[in-house]
Amino acid sequence: MALNPIPLLGGKSVHCINEQQMAEAIRLVEEDPVTSAKIGSRLKQLESELSRNERAALAFVIIQRLKDSANRSS
């Protein structure tokens, strides 16, 4: 049975990622001499092993956990 894709756009906002944050994330993955190989290899592995829905779920949970850990350390 095929699962409907998790919608990535639309609906009530829970998290806001601004353009500067997105640009920095892409730079870390694509250009940074220290992090690009590490993040890039893990990303390729996840993309090959997880479905689109699984990757979306993982992304959302990681963002929530980062948000929660920032709130705890404040």
N, C-alpha and C. Protein backbone atom coordinates (compact mmCIF):
# COMPACT_ATOMS: atom_id res chain seq x y z
N MET A 1 0.84 -1.16 0.00
CA MET A 1 0.00 0.00 0.00
C MET A 1 0.89 1.23 0.00
N ALA A 2 0.66 2.14 -0.96
CA ALA A 2 1.45 3.37 -1.06
C ALA A 2 0.95 4.39 -0.05
N LEU A 3 1.88 5.05 0.61
CA LEU A 3 1.54 6.09 1.56
C LEU A 3 1.46 7.43 0.85
N ASN A 4 0.52 8.26 1.27
CA ASN A 4 0.48 9.62 0.74
C ASN A 4 1.69 10.37 1.25
N PRO A 5 2.30 11.21 0.41
CA PRO A 5 3.47 11.95 0.87
C PRO A 5 3.11 12.95 1.96
N ILE A 6 4.02 13.11 2.91
CA ILE A 6 3.85 14.13 3.94
C ILE A 6 3.96 15.48 3.25
N PRO A 7 2.94 16.36 3.36
CA PRO A 7 3.03 17.66 2.72
C PRO A 7 4.10 18.52 3.38
N LEU A 8 4.95 19.10 2.57
CA LEU A 8 6.03 19.94 3.09
C LEU A 8 5.66 21.42 3.06
N LEU A 9 4.63 21.77 2.33
CA LEU A 9 4.21 23.16 2.20
C LEU A 9 2.75 23.28 2.60
N GLY A 10 2.36 24.46 3.03
CA GLY A 10 0.97 24.71 3.38
C GLY A 10 0.67 24.33 4.81
N GLY A 11 -0.51 24.70 5.27
CA GLY A 11 -0.91 24.40 6.63
C GLY A 11 -0.34 25.39 7.62
N LYS A 12 -0.68 25.19 8.88
CA LYS A 12 -0.23 26.06 9.95
C LYS A 12 1.28 25.91 10.16
N SER A 13 1.98 27.02 10.31
CA SER A 13 3.42 26.99 10.52
C SER A 13 3.75 26.54 11.94
N VAL A 14 4.73 25.68 12.05
CA VAL A 14 5.23 25.24 13.34
C VAL A 14 6.64 25.77 13.56
N HIS A 15 7.45 25.71 12.52
CA HIS A 15 8.83 26.17 12.58
C HIS A 15 9.06 27.14 11.43
N CYS A 16 9.90 28.13 11.68
CA CYS A 16 10.24 29.09 10.63
C CYS A 16 11.74 28.98 10.37
N ILE A 17 12.09 28.74 9.12
CA ILE A 17 13.49 28.70 8.71
C ILE A 17 13.67 29.85 7.73
N ASN A 18 14.52 30.81 8.08
CA ASN A 18 14.67 31.95 7.20
C ASN A 18 15.69 31.66 6.10
N GLU A 19 15.74 32.56 5.12
CA GLU A 19 16.61 32.35 3.96
C GLU A 19 18.08 32.28 4.35
N GLN A 20 18.48 33.06 5.34
CA GLN A 20 19.88 33.04 5.77
C GLN A 20 20.25 31.70 6.40
N GLN A 21 19.35 31.14 7.20
CA GLN A 21 19.59 29.82 7.80
C GLN A 21 19.70 28.75 6.72
N MET A 22 18.81 28.81 5.73
CA MET A 22 18.83 27.82 4.66
C MET A 22 20.12 27.95 3.84
N ALA A 23 20.50 29.18 3.54
CA ALA A 23 21.74 29.40 2.77
C ALA A 23 22.95 28.87 3.53
N GLU A 24 23.00 29.08 4.84
CA GLU A 24 24.12 28.58 5.65
C GLU A 24 24.11 27.05 5.70
N ALA A 25 22.94 26.45 5.80
CA ALA A 25 22.86 24.99 5.80
C ALA A 25 23.38 24.42 4.48
N ILE A 26 22.97 25.01 3.39
CA ILE A 26 23.43 24.54 2.07
C ILE A 26 24.94 24.73 1.93
N ARG A 27 25.45 25.87 2.42
CA ARG A 27 26.90 26.11 2.37
C ARG A 27 27.65 25.04 3.16
N LEU A 28 27.15 24.69 4.34
CA LEU A 28 27.81 23.67 5.15
C LEU A 28 27.85 22.32 4.44
N VAL A 29 26.79 22.00 3.71
CA VAL A 29 26.71 20.72 3.01
C VAL A 29 27.54 20.73 1.72
N GLU A 30 27.53 21.85 1.02
CA GLU A 30 28.14 21.87 -0.31
C GLU A 30 29.55 22.47 -0.38
N GLU A 31 29.92 23.35 0.55
CA GLU A 31 31.16 24.10 0.39
C GLU A 31 32.14 24.04 1.55
N ASP A 32 31.66 23.85 2.75
CA ASP A 32 32.54 23.92 3.92
C ASP A 32 33.54 22.78 3.91
N PRO A 33 34.84 23.09 4.01
CA PRO A 33 35.86 22.05 3.92
C PRO A 33 35.81 21.03 5.06
N VAL A 34 35.28 21.40 6.20
CA VAL A 34 35.22 20.49 7.34
C VAL A 34 33.94 19.66 7.33
N THR A 35 32.81 20.28 7.06
CA THR A 35 31.53 19.60 7.24
C THR A 35 30.93 19.00 5.98
N SER A 36 31.31 19.47 4.80
CA SER A 36 30.62 19.01 3.60
C SER A 36 30.75 17.51 3.36
N ALA A 37 31.91 16.96 3.56
CA ALA A 37 32.07 15.51 3.33
C ALA A 37 31.29 14.71 4.35
N LYS A 38 31.35 15.14 5.61
CA LYS A 38 30.66 14.41 6.68
C LYS A 38 29.14 14.46 6.50
N ILE A 39 28.61 15.65 6.31
CA ILE A 39 27.16 15.79 6.15
C ILE A 39 26.72 15.18 4.82
N GLY A 40 27.48 15.43 3.77
CA GLY A 40 27.11 14.92 2.44
C GLY A 40 27.03 13.42 2.39
N SER A 41 27.98 12.74 3.01
CA SER A 41 27.96 11.27 2.97
C SER A 41 26.79 10.71 3.77
N ARG A 42 26.48 11.33 4.91
CA ARG A 42 25.34 10.89 5.70
C ARG A 42 24.04 11.14 4.97
N LEU A 43 23.97 12.29 4.29
CA LEU A 43 22.77 12.64 3.53
C LEU A 43 22.53 11.64 2.39
N LYS A 44 23.59 11.30 1.67
CA LYS A 44 23.45 10.30 0.60
C LYS A 44 22.96 8.96 1.15
N GLN A 45 23.50 8.56 2.29
CA GLN A 45 23.09 7.30 2.91
C GLN A 45 21.61 7.35 3.28
N LEU A 46 21.19 8.43 3.93
CA LEU A 46 19.78 8.55 4.33
C LEU A 46 18.87 8.58 3.12
N GLU A 47 19.27 9.30 2.07
CA GLU A 47 18.44 9.38 0.87
C GLU A 47 18.31 8.04 0.17
N SER A 48 19.32 7.19 0.29
CA SER A 48 19.25 5.88 -0.36
C SER A 48 18.49 4.86 0.48
N GLU A 49 18.45 5.06 1.80
CA GLU A 49 17.84 4.06 2.68
C GLU A 49 16.43 4.41 3.14
N LEU A 50 16.07 5.69 3.14
CA LEU A 50 14.77 6.11 3.66
C LEU A 50 13.86 6.61 2.55
N SER A 51 12.58 6.38 2.71
CA SER A 51 11.60 6.91 1.76
C SER A 51 11.47 8.42 1.94
N ARG A 52 10.76 9.05 1.05
CA ARG A 52 10.53 10.49 1.15
C ARG A 52 9.84 10.81 2.47
N ASN A 53 8.80 10.08 2.83
CA ASN A 53 8.10 10.32 4.08
C ASN A 53 8.99 10.11 5.30
N GLU A 54 9.83 9.09 5.25
CA GLU A 54 10.75 8.84 6.36
C GLU A 54 11.76 9.98 6.50
N ARG A 55 12.27 10.48 5.37
CA ARG A 55 13.20 11.61 5.42
C ARG A 55 12.52 12.87 5.93
N ALA A 56 11.27 13.11 5.50
CA ALA A 56 10.52 14.27 5.99
C ALA A 56 10.29 14.15 7.50
N ALA A 57 9.89 12.98 7.96
CA ALA A 57 9.66 12.77 9.39
C ALA A 57 10.95 13.01 10.17
N LEU A 58 12.05 12.48 9.67
CA LEU A 58 13.34 12.67 10.34
C LEU A 58 13.72 14.15 10.40
N ALA A 59 13.53 14.86 9.30
CA ALA A 59 13.85 16.29 9.27
C ALA A 59 13.02 17.06 10.29
N PHE A 60 11.73 16.78 10.34
CA PHE A 60 10.85 17.48 11.28
C PHE A 60 11.23 17.18 12.73
N VAL A 61 11.54 15.92 13.01
CA VAL A 61 11.90 15.55 14.38
C VAL A 61 13.25 16.16 14.77
N ILE A 62 14.20 16.18 13.86
CA ILE A 62 15.49 16.80 14.16
C ILE A 62 15.31 18.28 14.46
N ILE A 63 14.52 18.98 13.65
CA ILE A 63 14.27 20.41 13.90
C ILE A 63 13.61 20.60 15.25
N GLN A 64 12.63 19.78 15.59
CA GLN A 64 11.95 19.90 16.89
C GLN A 64 12.93 19.65 18.03
N ARG A 65 13.78 18.65 17.91
CA ARG A 65 14.74 18.35 18.97
C ARG A 65 15.76 19.46 19.12
N LEU A 66 16.19 20.06 18.02
CA LEU A 66 17.11 21.21 18.10
C LEU A 66 16.43 22.38 18.80
N LYS A 67 15.18 22.61 18.46
CA LYS A 67 14.41 23.67 19.11
C LYS A 67 14.28 23.39 20.60
N ASP A 68 13.92 22.15 20.96
CA ASP A 68 13.77 21.78 22.37
C ASP A 68 15.09 21.93 23.14
N SER A 69 16.19 21.51 22.53
CA SER A 69 17.49 21.59 23.23
C SER A 69 17.91 23.05 23.40
N ALA A 70 17.58 23.93 22.46
CA ALA A 70 17.90 25.35 22.60
C ALA A 70 17.08 25.95 23.73
N ASN A 71 15.83 25.53 23.85
CA ASN A 71 14.98 26.05 24.93
C ASN A 71 15.47 25.60 26.30
N ARG A 72 16.00 24.39 26.40
CA ARG A 72 16.50 23.87 27.68
C ARG A 72 17.78 24.58 28.12
N SER A 73 18.60 24.96 27.14
CA SER A 73 19.87 25.59 27.50
C SER A 73 19.75 27.08 27.73
N SER A 74 18.58 27.65 27.47
CA SER A 74 18.37 29.09 27.68
C SER A 74 18.16 29.42 29.13
